[in-house]
């Protein structure tokens, strides 16, 4: 893959190059992706089929994120887990929103806001196994801690969504 494409994906089109809080801006970069995914939900016959599509999307995105993070670490930024690489934040945020099927604009905004807060808290605090996951090599550690934060965040989101919505 072209180095410029890899860098653009790794920094999520420049959001990771922000001088302060690149992870937060990277997480915000997941919002347009979720909006597109929410829009195409209408093309699926039911939530089960849509959730299967979303799962396959996440798994593909996971693979791309590991590859991009690995190339960014080794060839572009030449350092371990560079702050500029935020594709992992996008993946973690989208993972936090997995299985949440908001209806209408208001519920989408609520879901995106709650998921943002939960994911950022888990990503920054790196509680429990999230911290251990970042020590893998070859781009996997860059992505795995955020993905795990997203999985834990998704559990919390599903609980909240089931109780309140």
N, C-alpha and C. Protein backbone atom coordinates (compact mmCIF):
# COMPACT_ATOMS: atom_id res chain seq x y z
N UNK A 1 0.85 -1.17 0.00
CA UNK A 1 0.00 0.00 0.00
C UNK A 1 0.90 1.25 0.00
N UNK A 2 0.48 2.25 -0.69
CA UNK A 2 1.20 3.52 -0.80
C UNK A 2 1.41 4.13 0.59
N UNK A 3 2.63 4.63 0.85
CA UNK A 3 2.95 5.21 2.17
C UNK A 3 2.05 6.40 2.53
N UNK A 4 1.68 7.19 1.54
CA UNK A 4 0.82 8.34 1.82
C UNK A 4 -0.58 7.88 2.24
N UNK A 5 -1.09 6.84 1.59
CA UNK A 5 -2.39 6.29 1.97
C UNK A 5 -2.32 5.71 3.39
N UNK A 6 -1.24 4.98 3.68
CA UNK A 6 -1.06 4.39 5.01
C UNK A 6 -0.98 5.48 6.07
N UNK A 7 -0.23 6.54 5.79
CA UNK A 7 -0.12 7.64 6.76
C UNK A 7 -1.47 8.32 6.96
N UNK A 8 -2.21 8.56 5.87
CA UNK A 8 -3.53 9.18 5.99
C UNK A 8 -4.48 8.32 6.81
N UNK A 9 -4.46 7.03 6.58
CA UNK A 9 -5.31 6.13 7.37
C UNK A 9 -4.84 6.09 8.82
N UNK A 10 -3.54 5.99 9.03
CA UNK A 10 -2.99 5.91 10.39
C UNK A 10 -3.33 7.13 11.23
N UNK A 11 -3.19 8.30 10.63
CA UNK A 11 -3.50 9.55 11.35
C UNK A 11 -4.97 9.93 11.20
N UNK A 12 -5.73 9.06 10.60
CA UNK A 12 -7.15 9.26 10.27
C UNK A 12 -7.34 10.64 9.63
N UNK A 13 -6.64 10.76 8.51
CA UNK A 13 -6.73 11.92 7.63
C UNK A 13 -6.32 13.22 8.34
N UNK A 14 -5.26 13.10 9.17
CA UNK A 14 -4.66 14.26 9.80
C UNK A 14 -5.11 14.54 11.22
N UNK A 15 -6.15 13.87 11.70
CA UNK A 15 -6.61 14.13 13.07
C UNK A 15 -5.56 13.76 14.10
N UNK A 16 -4.76 12.75 13.81
CA UNK A 16 -3.70 12.34 14.73
C UNK A 16 -2.54 13.32 14.78
N UNK A 17 -2.50 14.25 13.84
CA UNK A 17 -1.43 15.25 13.81
C UNK A 17 -1.77 16.49 14.63
N UNK A 18 -2.93 16.46 15.29
CA UNK A 18 -3.30 17.60 16.14
C UNK A 18 -2.27 17.73 17.26
N UNK A 19 -1.87 18.96 17.61
CA UNK A 19 -0.82 19.13 18.61
C UNK A 19 -1.23 18.69 20.02
N UNK A 20 -2.49 18.78 20.35
CA UNK A 20 -2.97 18.36 21.67
C UNK A 20 -4.10 17.37 21.50
N UNK A 21 -4.12 16.37 22.35
CA UNK A 21 -5.19 15.36 22.43
C UNK A 21 -5.48 14.66 21.09
N UNK A 22 -4.45 14.14 20.42
CA UNK A 22 -4.71 13.48 19.14
C UNK A 22 -5.64 12.26 19.27
N UNK A 23 -5.58 11.56 20.41
CA UNK A 23 -6.47 10.41 20.62
C UNK A 23 -7.93 10.83 20.69
N UNK A 24 -8.19 11.95 21.32
CA UNK A 24 -9.56 12.46 21.42
C UNK A 24 -10.06 12.87 20.04
N UNK A 25 -9.22 13.56 19.27
CA UNK A 25 -9.61 13.94 17.92
C UNK A 25 -9.77 12.72 17.03
N UNK A 26 -8.93 11.71 17.22
CA UNK A 26 -9.06 10.48 16.46
C UNK A 26 -10.38 9.79 16.75
N UNK A 27 -10.77 9.79 18.03
CA UNK A 27 -12.05 9.20 18.41
C UNK A 27 -13.19 9.96 17.74
N UNK A 28 -13.10 11.28 17.72
CA UNK A 28 -14.12 12.09 17.02
C UNK A 28 -14.19 11.72 15.54
N UNK A 29 -13.06 11.28 14.98
CA UNK A 29 -13.04 10.86 13.58
C UNK A 29 -13.88 9.63 13.31
N UNK A 30 -14.24 8.90 14.35
CA UNK A 30 -15.12 7.75 14.18
C UNK A 30 -16.58 8.13 14.01
N UNK A 31 -16.93 9.34 14.40
CA UNK A 31 -18.33 9.77 14.33
C UNK A 31 -18.87 9.76 12.89
N UNK A 32 -18.17 10.34 11.91
CA UNK A 32 -18.71 10.27 10.54
C UNK A 32 -18.86 8.83 10.02
N UNK A 33 -17.95 7.95 10.44
CA UNK A 33 -18.05 6.55 10.01
C UNK A 33 -19.31 5.92 10.61
N UNK A 34 -19.58 6.20 11.89
CA UNK A 34 -20.78 5.65 12.52
C UNK A 34 -22.04 6.23 11.88
N UNK A 35 -22.01 7.50 11.51
CA UNK A 35 -23.17 8.11 10.85
C UNK A 35 -23.45 7.41 9.52
N UNK A 36 -22.40 7.14 8.76
CA UNK A 36 -22.57 6.41 7.49
C UNK A 36 -23.12 5.01 7.76
N UNK A 37 -22.55 4.33 8.76
CA UNK A 37 -23.05 3.00 9.10
C UNK A 37 -24.51 3.04 9.55
N UNK A 38 -24.88 4.08 10.29
CA UNK A 38 -26.28 4.24 10.71
C UNK A 38 -27.19 4.49 9.52
N UNK A 39 -26.70 5.26 8.57
CA UNK A 39 -27.50 5.54 7.37
C UNK A 39 -27.76 4.27 6.57
N UNK A 40 -26.73 3.44 6.40
CA UNK A 40 -26.92 2.24 5.58
C UNK A 40 -27.68 1.14 6.32
N UNK A 41 -27.93 1.34 7.62
CA UNK A 41 -28.74 0.39 8.38
C UNK A 41 -30.10 0.22 7.71
N UNK A 42 -30.62 1.29 7.13
CA UNK A 42 -31.92 1.25 6.48
C UNK A 42 -32.00 0.32 5.28
N UNK A 43 -30.86 -0.08 4.73
CA UNK A 43 -30.84 -0.97 3.58
C UNK A 43 -30.87 -2.45 3.97
N UNK A 44 -30.84 -2.73 5.26
CA UNK A 44 -30.84 -4.11 5.73
C UNK A 44 -32.23 -4.48 6.22
N UNK A 45 -32.66 -5.74 6.01
CA UNK A 45 -34.03 -6.13 6.36
C UNK A 45 -34.31 -6.15 7.86
N UNK A 46 -33.28 -6.36 8.70
CA UNK A 46 -33.49 -6.35 10.15
C UNK A 46 -32.16 -6.11 10.85
N UNK A 47 -32.26 -5.90 12.18
CA UNK A 47 -31.05 -5.59 12.96
C UNK A 47 -30.06 -6.74 12.99
N UNK A 48 -30.54 -7.98 12.92
CA UNK A 48 -29.63 -9.12 12.97
C UNK A 48 -28.71 -9.15 11.75
N UNK A 49 -29.27 -8.90 10.60
CA UNK A 49 -28.46 -8.87 9.37
C UNK A 49 -27.52 -7.66 9.41
N UNK A 50 -28.02 -6.52 9.87
CA UNK A 50 -27.18 -5.33 9.97
C UNK A 50 -26.03 -5.56 10.96
N UNK A 51 -26.34 -6.18 12.13
CA UNK A 51 -25.29 -6.44 13.12
C UNK A 51 -24.24 -7.39 12.57
N UNK A 52 -24.63 -8.34 11.74
CA UNK A 52 -23.67 -9.24 11.10
C UNK A 52 -22.76 -8.45 10.16
N UNK A 53 -23.37 -7.53 9.39
CA UNK A 53 -22.58 -6.66 8.51
C UNK A 53 -21.62 -5.81 9.33
N UNK A 54 -22.11 -5.21 10.42
CA UNK A 54 -21.29 -4.35 11.27
C UNK A 54 -20.12 -5.16 11.85
N UNK A 55 -20.38 -6.39 12.27
CA UNK A 55 -19.33 -7.24 12.81
C UNK A 55 -18.25 -7.49 11.76
N UNK A 56 -18.66 -7.83 10.54
CA UNK A 56 -17.69 -8.08 9.47
C UNK A 56 -16.92 -6.80 9.14
N UNK A 57 -17.60 -5.67 9.19
CA UNK A 57 -16.93 -4.39 8.98
C UNK A 57 -15.85 -4.18 10.04
N UNK A 58 -16.21 -4.42 11.32
CA UNK A 58 -15.24 -4.25 12.41
C UNK A 58 -14.04 -5.17 12.25
N UNK A 59 -14.27 -6.42 11.87
CA UNK A 59 -13.16 -7.37 11.73
C UNK A 59 -12.23 -6.96 10.58
N UNK A 60 -12.81 -6.49 9.50
CA UNK A 60 -12.00 -6.00 8.37
C UNK A 60 -11.22 -4.76 8.79
N UNK A 61 -11.91 -3.85 9.47
CA UNK A 61 -11.27 -2.63 9.95
C UNK A 61 -10.14 -2.97 10.92
N UNK A 62 -10.34 -3.98 11.77
CA UNK A 62 -9.31 -4.42 12.70
C UNK A 62 -8.05 -4.84 11.94
N UNK A 63 -8.22 -5.67 10.91
CA UNK A 63 -7.08 -6.13 10.11
C UNK A 63 -6.35 -4.98 9.43
N UNK A 64 -7.11 -4.07 8.86
CA UNK A 64 -6.51 -2.90 8.19
C UNK A 64 -5.78 -2.04 9.22
N UNK A 65 -6.39 -1.85 10.40
CA UNK A 65 -5.77 -1.01 11.43
C UNK A 65 -4.45 -1.61 11.93
N UNK A 66 -4.40 -2.94 12.08
CA UNK A 66 -3.15 -3.58 12.52
C UNK A 66 -2.07 -3.39 11.46
N UNK A 67 -2.43 -3.61 10.20
CA UNK A 67 -1.45 -3.44 9.11
C UNK A 67 -0.94 -2.00 9.05
N UNK A 68 -1.87 -1.05 9.06
CA UNK A 68 -1.52 0.37 8.97
C UNK A 68 -0.68 0.79 10.17
N UNK A 69 -1.06 0.35 11.35
CA UNK A 69 -0.30 0.71 12.57
C UNK A 69 1.11 0.13 12.52
N UNK A 70 1.23 -1.08 12.03
CA UNK A 70 2.55 -1.72 11.91
C UNK A 70 3.45 -0.94 10.95
N UNK A 71 2.93 -0.58 9.79
CA UNK A 71 3.72 0.17 8.81
C UNK A 71 4.07 1.56 9.37
N UNK A 72 3.11 2.20 10.04
CA UNK A 72 3.38 3.52 10.63
C UNK A 72 4.47 3.43 11.68
N UNK A 73 4.43 2.39 12.52
CA UNK A 73 5.46 2.23 13.55
C UNK A 73 6.84 2.00 12.94
N UNK A 74 6.92 1.09 11.98
CA UNK A 74 8.22 0.67 11.44
C UNK A 74 8.79 1.63 10.40
N UNK A 75 7.95 2.17 9.52
CA UNK A 75 8.46 2.89 8.36
C UNK A 75 8.17 4.39 8.33
N UNK A 76 7.08 4.81 8.90
CA UNK A 76 6.69 6.22 8.75
C UNK A 76 7.14 7.05 9.96
N UNK A 77 6.72 6.66 11.16
CA UNK A 77 7.08 7.43 12.35
C UNK A 77 8.32 6.88 13.04
N UNK A 78 8.66 5.64 12.74
CA UNK A 78 9.86 4.97 13.27
C UNK A 78 9.96 5.04 14.79
N UNK A 79 8.83 4.80 15.46
CA UNK A 79 8.83 4.69 16.91
C UNK A 79 7.64 3.84 17.33
N UNK A 80 7.75 3.29 18.53
CA UNK A 80 6.72 2.39 19.04
C UNK A 80 5.47 3.17 19.46
N UNK A 81 4.32 2.72 19.02
CA UNK A 81 3.01 3.29 19.35
C UNK A 81 2.99 4.82 19.26
N UNK A 82 3.24 5.36 18.05
CA UNK A 82 3.26 6.82 17.90
C UNK A 82 1.89 7.43 18.18
N UNK A 83 1.88 8.57 18.86
CA UNK A 83 0.62 9.24 19.21
C UNK A 83 -0.15 9.66 17.97
N UNK A 84 0.56 9.89 16.87
CA UNK A 84 -0.10 10.33 15.64
C UNK A 84 -1.05 9.27 15.09
N UNK A 85 -0.77 8.01 15.37
CA UNK A 85 -1.60 6.92 14.83
C UNK A 85 -2.87 6.82 15.67
N UNK A 86 -4.00 7.15 15.05
CA UNK A 86 -5.28 7.16 15.75
C UNK A 86 -6.33 6.29 15.08
N UNK A 87 -5.95 5.52 14.08
CA UNK A 87 -6.91 4.61 13.45
C UNK A 87 -7.44 3.63 14.49
N UNK A 88 -6.63 3.33 15.49
CA UNK A 88 -7.05 2.43 16.57
C UNK A 88 -8.14 3.05 17.44
N UNK A 89 -8.11 4.35 17.62
CA UNK A 89 -9.18 5.04 18.35
C UNK A 89 -10.49 4.96 17.58
N UNK A 90 -10.42 5.12 16.29
CA UNK A 90 -11.63 5.01 15.46
C UNK A 90 -12.22 3.62 15.61
N UNK A 91 -11.38 2.60 15.53
CA UNK A 91 -11.84 1.21 15.69
C UNK A 91 -12.45 0.99 17.07
N UNK A 92 -11.78 1.47 18.11
CA UNK A 92 -12.29 1.29 19.47
C UNK A 92 -13.64 1.96 19.67
N UNK A 93 -13.78 3.16 19.14
CA UNK A 93 -15.04 3.89 19.25
C UNK A 93 -16.16 3.15 18.52
N UNK A 94 -15.88 2.70 17.30
CA UNK A 94 -16.89 1.96 16.53
C UNK A 94 -17.23 0.64 17.20
N UNK A 95 -16.27 0.02 17.86
CA UNK A 95 -16.52 -1.22 18.59
C UNK A 95 -17.42 -0.95 19.80
N UNK A 96 -17.22 0.17 20.46
CA UNK A 96 -18.07 0.55 21.59
C UNK A 96 -19.52 0.68 21.15
N UNK A 97 -19.76 1.08 19.91
CA UNK A 97 -21.11 1.28 19.41
C UNK A 97 -21.72 0.03 18.75
N UNK A 98 -20.97 -1.06 18.70
CA UNK A 98 -21.47 -2.31 18.12
C UNK A 98 -22.68 -2.80 18.93
N UNK A 99 -23.68 -3.32 18.23
CA UNK A 99 -24.92 -3.86 18.80
C UNK A 99 -25.86 -2.80 19.35
N UNK A 100 -25.50 -1.55 19.22
CA UNK A 100 -26.38 -0.46 19.63
C UNK A 100 -27.10 -0.02 18.37
N UNK A 101 -28.41 -0.12 18.38
CA UNK A 101 -29.19 0.21 17.18
C UNK A 101 -30.14 1.37 17.49
N UNK A 102 -29.59 2.58 17.57
CA UNK A 102 -30.44 3.73 17.88
C UNK A 102 -31.42 4.02 16.75
N UNK A 103 -32.57 4.53 17.13
CA UNK A 103 -33.61 4.87 16.15
C UNK A 103 -33.77 6.39 16.16
N UNK A 104 -33.55 7.00 15.03
CA UNK A 104 -33.73 8.44 14.91
C UNK A 104 -32.48 9.22 15.27
N UNK A 105 -32.53 10.49 14.94
CA UNK A 105 -31.38 11.38 15.13
C UNK A 105 -31.06 11.55 16.61
N UNK A 106 -32.08 11.76 17.44
CA UNK A 106 -31.84 12.00 18.87
C UNK A 106 -31.14 10.81 19.51
N UNK A 107 -31.63 9.59 19.28
CA UNK A 107 -30.99 8.41 19.87
C UNK A 107 -29.58 8.21 19.33
N UNK A 108 -29.37 8.52 18.04
CA UNK A 108 -28.01 8.42 17.49
C UNK A 108 -27.06 9.38 18.20
N UNK A 109 -27.50 10.60 18.42
CA UNK A 109 -26.66 11.58 19.12
C UNK A 109 -26.36 11.14 20.55
N UNK A 110 -27.39 10.62 21.23
CA UNK A 110 -27.20 10.14 22.61
C UNK A 110 -26.21 8.99 22.62
N UNK A 111 -26.38 8.02 21.71
CA UNK A 111 -25.50 6.85 21.65
C UNK A 111 -24.06 7.28 21.36
N UNK A 112 -23.88 8.19 20.40
CA UNK A 112 -22.53 8.64 20.06
C UNK A 112 -21.88 9.36 21.23
N UNK A 113 -22.63 10.17 21.96
CA UNK A 113 -22.09 10.89 23.11
C UNK A 113 -21.70 9.97 24.25
N UNK A 114 -22.60 9.04 24.61
CA UNK A 114 -22.31 8.10 25.70
C UNK A 114 -21.11 7.22 25.33
N UNK A 115 -21.09 6.71 24.09
CA UNK A 115 -19.99 5.85 23.64
C UNK A 115 -18.67 6.61 23.66
N UNK A 116 -18.69 7.88 23.29
CA UNK A 116 -17.48 8.70 23.30
C UNK A 116 -16.91 8.79 24.72
N UNK A 117 -17.77 9.10 25.67
CA UNK A 117 -17.33 9.25 27.06
C UNK A 117 -16.80 7.92 27.61
N UNK A 118 -17.53 6.85 27.39
CA UNK A 118 -17.11 5.54 27.89
C UNK A 118 -15.79 5.12 27.26
N UNK A 119 -15.70 5.23 25.94
CA UNK A 119 -14.48 4.79 25.27
C UNK A 119 -13.28 5.62 25.69
N UNK A 120 -13.41 6.92 25.73
CA UNK A 120 -12.27 7.76 26.12
C UNK A 120 -11.83 7.46 27.54
N UNK A 121 -12.79 7.24 28.45
CA UNK A 121 -12.42 6.89 29.83
C UNK A 121 -11.61 5.60 29.85
N UNK A 122 -12.09 4.57 29.16
CA UNK A 122 -11.39 3.28 29.15
C UNK A 122 -10.05 3.37 28.44
N UNK A 123 -10.00 4.15 27.37
CA UNK A 123 -8.75 4.29 26.61
C UNK A 123 -7.69 5.03 27.40
N UNK A 124 -8.08 6.06 28.10
CA UNK A 124 -7.13 6.85 28.87
C UNK A 124 -6.71 6.12 30.14
N UNK A 125 -7.66 5.53 30.86
CA UNK A 125 -7.35 4.87 32.14
C UNK A 125 -6.64 3.54 31.95
N UNK A 126 -6.90 2.86 30.83
CA UNK A 126 -6.26 1.56 30.52
C UNK A 126 -6.35 0.60 31.70
N UNK A 127 -7.55 0.46 32.25
CA UNK A 127 -7.74 -0.42 33.40
C UNK A 127 -7.64 -1.90 33.01
N UNK A 128 -7.21 -2.68 33.96
CA UNK A 128 -7.17 -4.14 33.81
C UNK A 128 -6.41 -4.62 32.59
N UNK A 129 -7.04 -5.49 31.81
CA UNK A 129 -6.34 -6.12 30.68
C UNK A 129 -6.04 -5.17 29.52
N UNK A 130 -6.66 -4.00 29.52
CA UNK A 130 -6.43 -3.05 28.43
C UNK A 130 -4.96 -2.64 28.39
N UNK A 131 -4.37 -2.41 29.56
CA UNK A 131 -2.96 -2.03 29.63
C UNK A 131 -2.06 -3.16 29.12
N UNK A 132 -2.37 -4.38 29.49
CA UNK A 132 -1.55 -5.53 29.08
C UNK A 132 -1.59 -5.73 27.57
N UNK A 133 -2.70 -5.42 26.95
CA UNK A 133 -2.89 -5.67 25.52
C UNK A 133 -2.01 -4.79 24.65
N UNK A 134 -1.54 -3.66 25.16
CA UNK A 134 -0.76 -2.76 24.32
C UNK A 134 0.70 -3.17 24.17
N UNK A 135 1.10 -4.28 24.78
CA UNK A 135 2.50 -4.68 24.74
C UNK A 135 2.82 -5.70 23.65
N UNK A 136 1.87 -5.98 22.77
CA UNK A 136 2.13 -6.87 21.63
C UNK A 136 2.90 -6.10 20.56
N UNK A 137 3.59 -6.84 19.68
CA UNK A 137 4.41 -6.22 18.63
C UNK A 137 3.66 -6.13 17.30
N UNK A 138 4.33 -5.51 16.34
CA UNK A 138 3.90 -5.47 14.93
C UNK A 138 2.54 -4.81 14.71
N UNK A 139 2.27 -3.75 15.38
CA UNK A 139 1.03 -3.02 15.18
C UNK A 139 -0.14 -3.59 15.96
N UNK A 140 -0.05 -4.85 16.39
CA UNK A 140 -1.15 -5.48 17.12
C UNK A 140 -1.38 -4.80 18.46
N UNK A 141 -0.32 -4.46 19.17
CA UNK A 141 -0.45 -3.80 20.46
C UNK A 141 -1.06 -2.41 20.36
N UNK A 142 -0.73 -1.72 19.27
CA UNK A 142 -1.30 -0.38 19.04
C UNK A 142 -2.82 -0.48 18.95
N UNK A 143 -3.29 -1.50 18.27
CA UNK A 143 -4.72 -1.65 17.98
C UNK A 143 -5.45 -2.40 19.10
N UNK A 144 -4.82 -3.42 19.65
CA UNK A 144 -5.51 -4.32 20.56
C UNK A 144 -6.00 -3.65 21.83
N UNK A 145 -5.23 -2.73 22.40
CA UNK A 145 -5.70 -2.08 23.62
C UNK A 145 -6.96 -1.25 23.37
N UNK A 146 -7.01 -0.56 22.25
CA UNK A 146 -8.20 0.24 21.92
C UNK A 146 -9.38 -0.65 21.56
N UNK A 147 -9.09 -1.74 20.86
CA UNK A 147 -10.16 -2.69 20.52
C UNK A 147 -10.74 -3.29 21.81
N UNK A 148 -9.89 -3.67 22.73
CA UNK A 148 -10.35 -4.23 24.00
C UNK A 148 -11.13 -3.19 24.80
N UNK A 149 -10.66 -1.95 24.80
CA UNK A 149 -11.41 -0.87 25.45
C UNK A 149 -12.79 -0.74 24.80
N UNK A 150 -12.84 -0.91 23.47
CA UNK A 150 -14.11 -0.87 22.76
C UNK A 150 -15.02 -2.03 23.11
N UNK A 151 -14.45 -3.22 23.28
CA UNK A 151 -15.25 -4.40 23.65
C UNK A 151 -15.85 -4.20 25.04
N UNK A 152 -15.02 -3.75 25.99
CA UNK A 152 -15.52 -3.50 27.34
C UNK A 152 -16.53 -2.35 27.31
N UNK A 153 -16.22 -1.32 26.54
CA UNK A 153 -17.15 -0.20 26.40
C UNK A 153 -18.46 -0.64 25.77
N UNK A 154 -18.41 -1.58 24.84
CA UNK A 154 -19.63 -2.08 24.22
C UNK A 154 -20.50 -2.81 25.23
N UNK A 155 -19.87 -3.59 26.10
CA UNK A 155 -20.63 -4.27 27.16
C UNK A 155 -21.37 -3.24 28.01
N UNK A 156 -20.67 -2.18 28.39
CA UNK A 156 -21.27 -1.12 29.21
C UNK A 156 -22.39 -0.43 28.42
N UNK A 157 -22.13 -0.15 27.15
CA UNK A 157 -23.15 0.49 26.29
C UNK A 157 -24.40 -0.36 26.16
N UNK A 158 -24.22 -1.65 25.93
CA UNK A 158 -25.38 -2.55 25.78
C UNK A 158 -26.20 -2.56 27.07
N UNK A 159 -25.51 -2.58 28.21
CA UNK A 159 -26.23 -2.53 29.49
C UNK A 159 -27.02 -1.23 29.62
N UNK A 160 -26.38 -0.12 29.34
CA UNK A 160 -27.06 1.18 29.42
C UNK A 160 -28.22 1.23 28.44
N UNK A 161 -27.98 0.80 27.21
CA UNK A 161 -29.00 0.89 26.16
C UNK A 161 -30.19 0.00 26.48
N UNK A 162 -29.92 -1.17 27.04
CA UNK A 162 -31.00 -2.10 27.40
C UNK A 162 -31.85 -1.54 28.52
N UNK A 163 -31.23 -0.91 29.49
CA UNK A 163 -31.97 -0.39 30.64
C UNK A 163 -32.74 0.88 30.29
N UNK A 164 -32.12 1.80 29.58
CA UNK A 164 -32.70 3.13 29.40
C UNK A 164 -33.36 3.37 28.05
N UNK A 165 -33.06 2.56 27.06
CA UNK A 165 -33.63 2.82 25.75
C UNK A 165 -34.33 1.60 25.25
